[in-house]
N, C-alpha and C. Protein backbone atom coordinates (compact mmCIF):
# COMPACT_ATOMS: atom_id res chain seq x y z
N MET A 1 0.76 -1.03 0.01
CA MET A 1 -0.03 0.04 -0.05
C MET A 1 0.91 1.23 0.06
N LYS A 2 0.51 2.19 -0.84
CA LYS A 2 1.31 3.45 -0.95
C LYS A 2 0.75 4.32 -0.14
N ILE A 3 1.15 5.36 0.61
CA ILE A 3 0.65 6.36 1.32
C ILE A 3 1.73 7.80 1.22
N LYS A 4 0.74 8.73 0.72
CA LYS A 4 1.62 9.99 0.54
C LYS A 4 1.54 10.70 2.10
N THR A 5 2.52 10.87 2.54
CA THR A 5 2.43 12.02 3.77
C THR A 5 2.52 13.31 3.27
N VAL A 6 1.82 14.03 4.53
CA VAL A 6 1.95 15.53 4.25
C VAL A 6 2.81 16.56 4.86
N LYS A 7 3.27 15.92 6.27
CA LYS A 7 3.67 16.38 6.88
C LYS A 7 5.42 16.03 7.51
N ARG A 8 6.09 16.68 8.01
CA ARG A 8 7.35 16.35 8.51
C ARG A 8 7.33 15.26 9.28
N ILE A 9 6.61 15.23 10.36
CA ILE A 9 6.25 14.38 11.24
C ILE A 9 4.81 14.08 11.66
N GLU A 10 4.10 13.03 11.47
CA GLU A 10 2.79 12.77 11.69
C GLU A 10 2.38 11.17 11.74
N LEU A 11 1.55 11.18 12.42
CA LEU A 11 0.83 9.85 12.81
C LEU A 11 -0.22 9.49 11.81
N ILE A 12 -0.44 8.53 10.80
CA ILE A 12 -1.38 8.36 10.09
C ILE A 12 -1.98 7.11 10.44
N ASN A 13 -3.67 6.98 10.54
CA ASN A 13 -4.28 6.13 10.77
C ASN A 13 -4.31 5.17 9.68
N ILE A 14 -3.87 4.03 9.79
CA ILE A 14 -4.16 2.94 8.54
C ILE A 14 -5.17 2.02 8.90
N THR A 15 -5.57 1.81 9.81
CA THR A 15 -6.32 0.79 10.50
C THR A 15 -7.13 0.30 9.31
N ASP A 16 -8.22 1.19 8.63
CA ASP A 16 -9.14 0.80 7.83
C ASP A 16 -8.49 0.30 6.72
N HIS A 17 -7.35 0.74 6.31
CA HIS A 17 -6.75 -0.06 5.15
C HIS A 17 -6.43 -1.58 5.38
N VAL A 18 -6.14 -1.59 6.56
CA VAL A 18 -5.29 -2.97 6.99
C VAL A 18 -6.75 -3.76 7.39
N HIS A 19 -7.83 -3.41 7.86
CA HIS A 19 -8.91 -3.96 8.00
C HIS A 19 -9.54 -4.81 6.62
N ASP A 20 -9.70 -3.49 5.58
CA ASP A 20 -10.08 -4.14 4.32
C ASP A 20 -9.13 -5.23 3.69
N HIS A 21 -7.91 -5.04 3.93
CA HIS A 21 -6.65 -6.08 3.38
C HIS A 21 -7.03 -7.51 4.04
N VAL A 22 -7.36 -7.56 5.24
CA VAL A 22 -7.53 -8.90 5.85
C VAL A 22 -9.05 -9.28 5.28
N LYS A 23 -9.80 -8.59 5.29
CA LYS A 23 -11.16 -9.15 4.61
C LYS A 23 -10.91 -9.53 3.38
N LYS A 24 -10.22 -9.06 2.38
CA LYS A 24 -10.20 -9.47 1.17
C LYS A 24 -9.40 -10.46 0.87
N SER A 25 -8.41 -10.81 1.83
CA SER A 25 -7.59 -12.00 1.99
C SER A 25 -8.21 -13.22 2.15
N GLY A 26 -9.44 -13.36 2.50
CA GLY A 26 -10.22 -14.58 2.93
C GLY A 26 -9.50 -15.46 3.97
N VAL A 27 -8.84 -14.87 4.52
CA VAL A 27 -8.09 -15.68 5.85
C VAL A 27 -9.32 -15.62 6.94
N GLN A 28 -9.61 -16.65 7.48
CA GLN A 28 -10.50 -16.77 8.78
C GLN A 28 -9.71 -16.77 9.90
N GLN A 29 -8.78 -17.61 10.02
CA GLN A 29 -7.95 -17.47 11.25
C GLN A 29 -6.42 -17.55 10.92
N GLY A 30 -6.04 -16.60 11.57
CA GLY A 30 -4.27 -16.46 11.56
C GLY A 30 -3.80 -15.29 12.21
N ILE A 31 -2.71 -14.66 11.31
CA ILE A 31 -1.96 -13.30 11.79
C ILE A 31 -2.05 -12.59 10.42
N CYS A 32 -1.86 -11.15 11.12
CA CYS A 32 -1.52 -10.01 9.83
C CYS A 32 -0.38 -9.48 10.31
N ALA A 33 0.56 -9.36 9.59
CA ALA A 33 1.91 -8.39 9.72
C ALA A 33 1.76 -7.17 8.92
N VAL A 34 2.01 -6.20 9.59
CA VAL A 34 2.01 -4.79 9.03
C VAL A 34 3.48 -4.09 9.15
N SER A 35 4.20 -3.88 7.96
CA SER A 35 5.48 -3.32 8.01
C SER A 35 5.82 -2.09 7.10
N THR A 36 6.88 -1.51 7.42
CA THR A 36 7.29 -0.29 6.54
C THR A 36 8.48 -0.71 6.32
N ARG A 37 8.81 -0.34 4.92
CA ARG A 37 10.12 -0.47 3.97
C ARG A 37 11.18 0.48 4.53
N HIS A 38 10.71 1.57 5.19
CA HIS A 38 11.66 2.71 5.37
C HIS A 38 12.07 2.95 6.86
N THR A 39 13.49 3.55 6.84
CA THR A 39 14.08 3.35 7.94
C THR A 39 13.80 4.74 8.75
N THR A 40 13.06 5.42 8.06
CA THR A 40 12.37 6.89 8.84
C THR A 40 11.06 6.78 9.15
N THR A 41 10.19 5.56 9.05
CA THR A 41 9.00 5.53 9.32
C THR A 41 8.94 4.42 10.37
N ALA A 42 7.97 4.41 10.93
CA ALA A 42 7.61 3.13 12.11
C ALA A 42 5.91 2.74 12.04
N ILE A 43 5.87 1.58 12.27
CA ILE A 43 4.08 1.11 12.55
C ILE A 43 4.05 1.07 14.17
N ILE A 44 2.92 1.56 14.48
CA ILE A 44 2.81 1.42 16.19
C ILE A 44 0.95 1.21 16.07
N VAL A 45 0.75 0.76 17.31
CA VAL A 45 -0.71 0.70 17.58
C VAL A 45 -0.89 1.48 18.84
N ASN A 46 -1.87 1.96 18.78
CA ASN A 46 -2.18 2.74 20.18
C ASN A 46 -3.49 3.25 20.01
N GLU A 47 -3.86 4.26 20.91
CA GLU A 47 -5.48 4.76 20.81
C GLU A 47 -5.28 5.99 19.87
N ASN A 48 -6.44 6.18 19.08
CA ASN A 48 -6.42 7.27 18.22
C ASN A 48 -7.27 8.54 18.71
N GLU A 49 -6.80 9.32 19.60
CA GLU A 49 -6.96 10.16 20.15
C GLU A 49 -6.11 11.34 20.23
N LYS A 50 -6.57 12.67 19.67
CA LYS A 50 -5.92 13.66 19.07
C LYS A 50 -4.72 14.23 20.02
N GLY A 51 -5.05 14.10 21.58
CA GLY A 51 -3.94 14.78 22.62
C GLY A 51 -3.03 13.78 22.66
N LEU A 52 -3.31 12.13 22.73
CA LEU A 52 -2.25 11.30 22.81
C LEU A 52 -1.64 11.36 21.54
N ARG A 53 -2.08 11.45 20.56
CA ARG A 53 -1.22 11.65 18.94
C ARG A 53 -0.34 12.70 19.21
N ALA A 54 -0.57 13.89 19.82
CA ALA A 54 0.37 14.84 20.00
C ALA A 54 1.30 14.48 21.16
N ASP A 55 0.92 13.78 22.08
CA ASP A 55 1.85 13.52 23.33
C ASP A 55 3.01 12.65 22.62
N ILE A 56 2.48 11.42 21.79
CA ILE A 56 3.59 10.79 21.46
C ILE A 56 4.52 11.30 20.38
N LEU A 57 3.94 12.62 19.68
CA LEU A 57 5.09 13.18 18.70
C LEU A 57 6.03 14.24 19.78
N ALA A 58 5.53 14.76 20.90
CA ALA A 58 6.06 15.49 21.71
C ALA A 58 7.08 14.54 22.46
N LEU A 59 6.46 13.29 22.91
CA LEU A 59 7.70 12.31 23.35
C LEU A 59 9.05 12.35 22.50
N LEU A 60 8.65 11.98 21.43
CA LEU A 60 9.73 11.65 20.45
C LEU A 60 10.72 12.68 20.39
N ASP A 61 10.15 14.12 20.45
CA ASP A 61 10.88 15.27 20.47
C ASP A 61 11.78 15.40 21.52
N ARG A 62 11.33 15.07 22.62
CA ARG A 62 12.19 15.27 23.86
C ARG A 62 13.09 14.13 24.09
N LEU A 63 12.94 13.11 23.43
CA LEU A 63 13.77 11.81 23.58
C LEU A 63 14.82 11.65 22.55
N VAL A 64 14.48 12.15 21.55
CA VAL A 64 15.35 12.38 20.36
C VAL A 64 15.14 13.45 19.85
N PRO A 65 15.88 14.62 20.01
CA PRO A 65 15.70 16.17 19.36
C PRO A 65 16.38 15.69 18.40
N GLU A 66 16.11 16.98 17.28
CA GLU A 66 16.79 17.26 15.80
C GLU A 66 17.74 17.98 16.44
N ASN A 67 18.99 17.99 15.48
CA ASN A 67 20.17 18.51 15.50
C ASN A 67 20.80 18.52 16.89
N ALA A 68 21.26 17.30 17.44
CA ALA A 68 21.71 17.13 18.59
C ALA A 68 23.25 16.48 18.50
N GLY A 69 23.73 16.65 17.33
CA GLY A 69 24.97 16.47 17.14
C GLY A 69 25.00 14.84 16.74
N TYR A 70 24.32 14.30 15.99
CA TYR A 70 24.36 13.01 15.58
C TYR A 70 25.18 12.65 14.73
N ALA A 71 25.94 11.52 14.54
CA ALA A 71 27.06 11.43 13.62
C ALA A 71 26.30 11.46 12.23
N HIS A 72 25.30 10.58 12.27
CA HIS A 72 24.49 10.50 10.65
C HIS A 72 24.44 11.85 9.95
N ASP A 73 23.93 12.81 10.94
CA ASP A 73 23.72 14.15 10.52
C ASP A 73 24.80 14.64 9.36
N ARG A 74 25.73 14.17 9.61
CA ARG A 74 26.89 14.70 8.46
C ARG A 74 26.50 14.33 6.96
N ILE A 75 25.59 13.22 6.78
CA ILE A 75 25.27 12.88 5.72
C ILE A 75 23.88 13.30 5.04
N ASP A 76 22.90 13.39 5.87
CA ASP A 76 21.68 14.08 5.31
C ASP A 76 20.78 14.80 6.66
N GLU A 77 21.48 14.84 7.50
CA GLU A 77 20.60 15.71 8.75
C GLU A 77 19.30 15.17 9.14
N ASN A 78 19.00 13.82 9.19
CA ASN A 78 17.85 13.37 9.37
C ASN A 78 18.08 12.17 10.19
N ALA A 79 19.21 12.26 11.32
CA ALA A 79 19.60 11.10 12.17
C ALA A 79 18.20 10.97 13.07
N HIS A 80 17.65 11.95 13.57
CA HIS A 80 16.79 11.92 14.67
C HIS A 80 15.47 11.06 14.13
N ALA A 81 15.10 11.08 12.69
CA ALA A 81 13.99 10.29 12.28
C ALA A 81 14.65 8.70 12.59
N HIS A 82 15.68 8.57 12.07
CA HIS A 82 16.25 6.88 11.98
C HIS A 82 16.12 6.65 13.40
N LEU A 83 16.67 7.26 14.42
CA LEU A 83 16.72 6.85 15.97
C LEU A 83 15.38 6.63 16.39
N ARG A 84 14.32 8.00 16.13
CA ARG A 84 12.84 7.35 16.45
C ARG A 84 12.36 6.47 16.00
N SER A 85 12.86 6.17 14.61
CA SER A 85 12.19 4.55 14.05
C SER A 85 12.85 3.41 15.13
N VAL A 86 13.85 3.65 15.20
CA VAL A 86 14.43 2.64 15.86
C VAL A 86 13.75 2.30 17.37
N LEU A 87 13.57 3.48 17.93
CA LEU A 87 12.52 3.49 19.24
C LEU A 87 11.14 2.73 18.94
N LEU A 88 10.42 3.10 17.97
CA LEU A 88 8.95 2.91 17.69
C LEU A 88 8.91 1.23 17.21
N GLY A 89 9.88 0.89 16.14
CA GLY A 89 9.96 -0.19 15.54
C GLY A 89 9.08 -0.32 14.11
N SER A 90 9.49 -1.14 13.02
CA SER A 90 8.97 -0.94 11.73
C SER A 90 8.09 -1.97 11.61
N SER A 91 7.58 -2.81 12.47
CA SER A 91 6.37 -3.63 12.13
C SER A 91 5.32 -3.99 13.39
N GLU A 92 4.32 -4.38 13.12
CA GLU A 92 3.33 -5.10 14.15
C GLU A 92 2.58 -6.16 13.53
N THR A 93 2.58 -7.35 14.38
CA THR A 93 1.82 -8.53 14.13
C THR A 93 0.47 -8.70 14.99
N LEU A 94 -0.80 -8.94 14.21
CA LEU A 94 -1.74 -8.74 15.07
C LEU A 94 -2.65 -10.14 14.63
N HIS A 95 -3.62 -10.45 15.61
CA HIS A 95 -4.36 -12.01 15.26
C HIS A 95 -5.36 -11.29 14.30
N VAL A 96 -5.66 -12.51 13.64
CA VAL A 96 -6.95 -12.48 12.49
C VAL A 96 -8.07 -13.73 13.12
N ASP A 97 -9.10 -13.12 13.42
CA ASP A 97 -10.14 -14.30 14.06
C ASP A 97 -11.67 -13.87 13.07
N ASN A 98 -12.10 -15.09 12.65
CA ASN A 98 -13.12 -14.92 11.54
C ASN A 98 -13.23 -13.86 10.89
N SER A 99 -12.15 -13.62 10.09
CA SER A 99 -11.83 -12.92 9.00
C SER A 99 -11.78 -11.29 9.47
N LYS A 100 -11.73 -11.16 10.73
CA LYS A 100 -11.71 -9.86 11.52
C LYS A 100 -10.21 -9.57 11.94
N LEU A 101 -9.66 -8.28 12.02
CA LEU A 101 -8.49 -8.01 12.68
C LEU A 101 -8.67 -7.69 13.97
N VAL A 102 -8.01 -8.56 15.00
CA VAL A 102 -8.29 -8.44 16.46
C VAL A 102 -7.54 -7.32 16.93
N LEU A 103 -8.24 -6.22 17.35
CA LEU A 103 -7.79 -5.00 18.06
C LEU A 103 -8.58 -4.79 19.41
N GLY A 104 -7.93 -4.16 20.29
CA GLY A 104 -8.61 -3.70 21.36
C GLY A 104 -9.75 -2.48 21.13
N THR A 105 -10.54 -2.41 22.17
CA THR A 105 -11.64 -1.35 22.14
C THR A 105 -10.88 -0.12 21.41
N TRP A 106 -9.91 0.55 22.10
CA TRP A 106 -9.16 1.72 21.77
C TRP A 106 -8.19 1.64 20.75
N GLN A 107 -7.74 0.41 20.07
CA GLN A 107 -6.26 0.26 19.51
C GLN A 107 -6.97 0.74 17.95
N SER A 108 -5.81 1.44 17.48
CA SER A 108 -5.69 1.59 15.86
C SER A 108 -4.30 1.50 15.48
N ILE A 109 -4.15 1.28 14.34
CA ILE A 109 -2.78 0.98 13.74
C ILE A 109 -2.29 2.17 12.87
N PHE A 110 -0.96 2.69 13.29
CA PHE A 110 -0.62 4.22 12.53
C PHE A 110 0.67 3.62 11.92
N LEU A 111 0.83 4.35 10.76
CA LEU A 111 2.16 4.67 10.15
C LEU A 111 2.64 6.25 10.72
N ALA A 112 3.74 5.91 11.18
CA ALA A 112 4.49 7.04 11.72
C ALA A 112 5.56 7.49 10.80
N GLU A 113 4.94 8.87 10.49
CA GLU A 113 6.10 9.45 9.14
C GLU A 113 6.84 10.27 10.16
N LEU A 114 8.52 10.17 10.13
CA LEU A 114 9.24 10.65 10.96
C LEU A 114 10.33 11.84 10.34
N ASP A 115 9.90 11.56 8.54
CA ASP A 115 10.89 12.33 7.91
C ASP A 115 10.14 12.71 6.33
N GLY A 116 9.09 13.20 6.53
CA GLY A 116 8.24 13.62 5.46
C GLY A 116 8.46 15.11 4.91
N PRO A 117 7.70 15.29 4.19
CA PRO A 117 6.48 14.38 3.57
C PRO A 117 6.97 13.73 2.17
N ARG A 118 6.67 12.53 2.08
CA ARG A 118 7.02 11.46 1.05
C ARG A 118 5.98 10.28 0.73
N THR A 119 6.25 9.75 -0.31
CA THR A 119 5.44 8.71 -0.57
C THR A 119 6.16 7.31 0.29
N ARG A 120 5.21 6.86 1.04
CA ARG A 120 5.84 5.59 1.58
C ARG A 120 4.92 4.29 1.25
N THR A 121 5.86 3.11 1.49
CA THR A 121 5.12 1.92 1.15
C THR A 121 5.12 1.02 2.54
N VAL A 122 3.71 0.69 2.66
CA VAL A 122 3.47 -0.17 3.94
C VAL A 122 3.07 -1.83 3.30
N ASP A 123 3.78 -2.67 3.85
CA ASP A 123 3.29 -4.12 3.63
C ASP A 123 2.29 -4.67 4.31
N ILE A 124 1.24 -5.12 3.94
CA ILE A 124 0.41 -6.08 4.85
C ILE A 124 0.25 -7.38 4.26
N THR A 125 0.71 -8.39 5.33
CA THR A 125 0.68 -9.79 4.84
C THR A 125 -0.23 -10.54 5.88
N VAL A 126 -1.15 -11.01 5.16
CA VAL A 126 -2.11 -12.30 6.05
C VAL A 126 -1.94 -13.49 5.74
N ILE A 127 -1.35 -14.15 7.00
CA ILE A 127 -1.25 -15.72 6.90
C ILE A 127 -2.26 -16.31 7.61
N SER A 128 -2.77 -17.42 6.87
CA SER A 128 -3.63 -18.37 7.64
C SER A 128 -3.16 -19.39 8.67
N ARG A 129 -3.82 -19.71 9.48
CA ARG A 129 -3.48 -20.64 10.49
C ARG A 129 -3.49 -22.42 10.08
């Protein structure tokens, strides 16, 4: 799946896309792996609440600030995006039950754009049990 991001740093809710992919797969019971191919993005599962989304981005900024003298910045000045991706991770694996993605009441799946805007690729693989 291709996603065009619009901001330098943002969380994009991709839950509906993943749900659709699971439904179209025909898998009744199994797992769904969601991953990103980019070293400056991440896949996370959390609550889709505006304040929390802002808090997540603010936390990343405090933990890994831009322009903090990282060695990689000598190449293209985006070390902070790579390091934030390391903290968040590039994939999530979720259960599929009765052809439905199993998520908690408040859980959503997000692509975290950490060095945009760009066109990003998210891979969704559904495996039957």
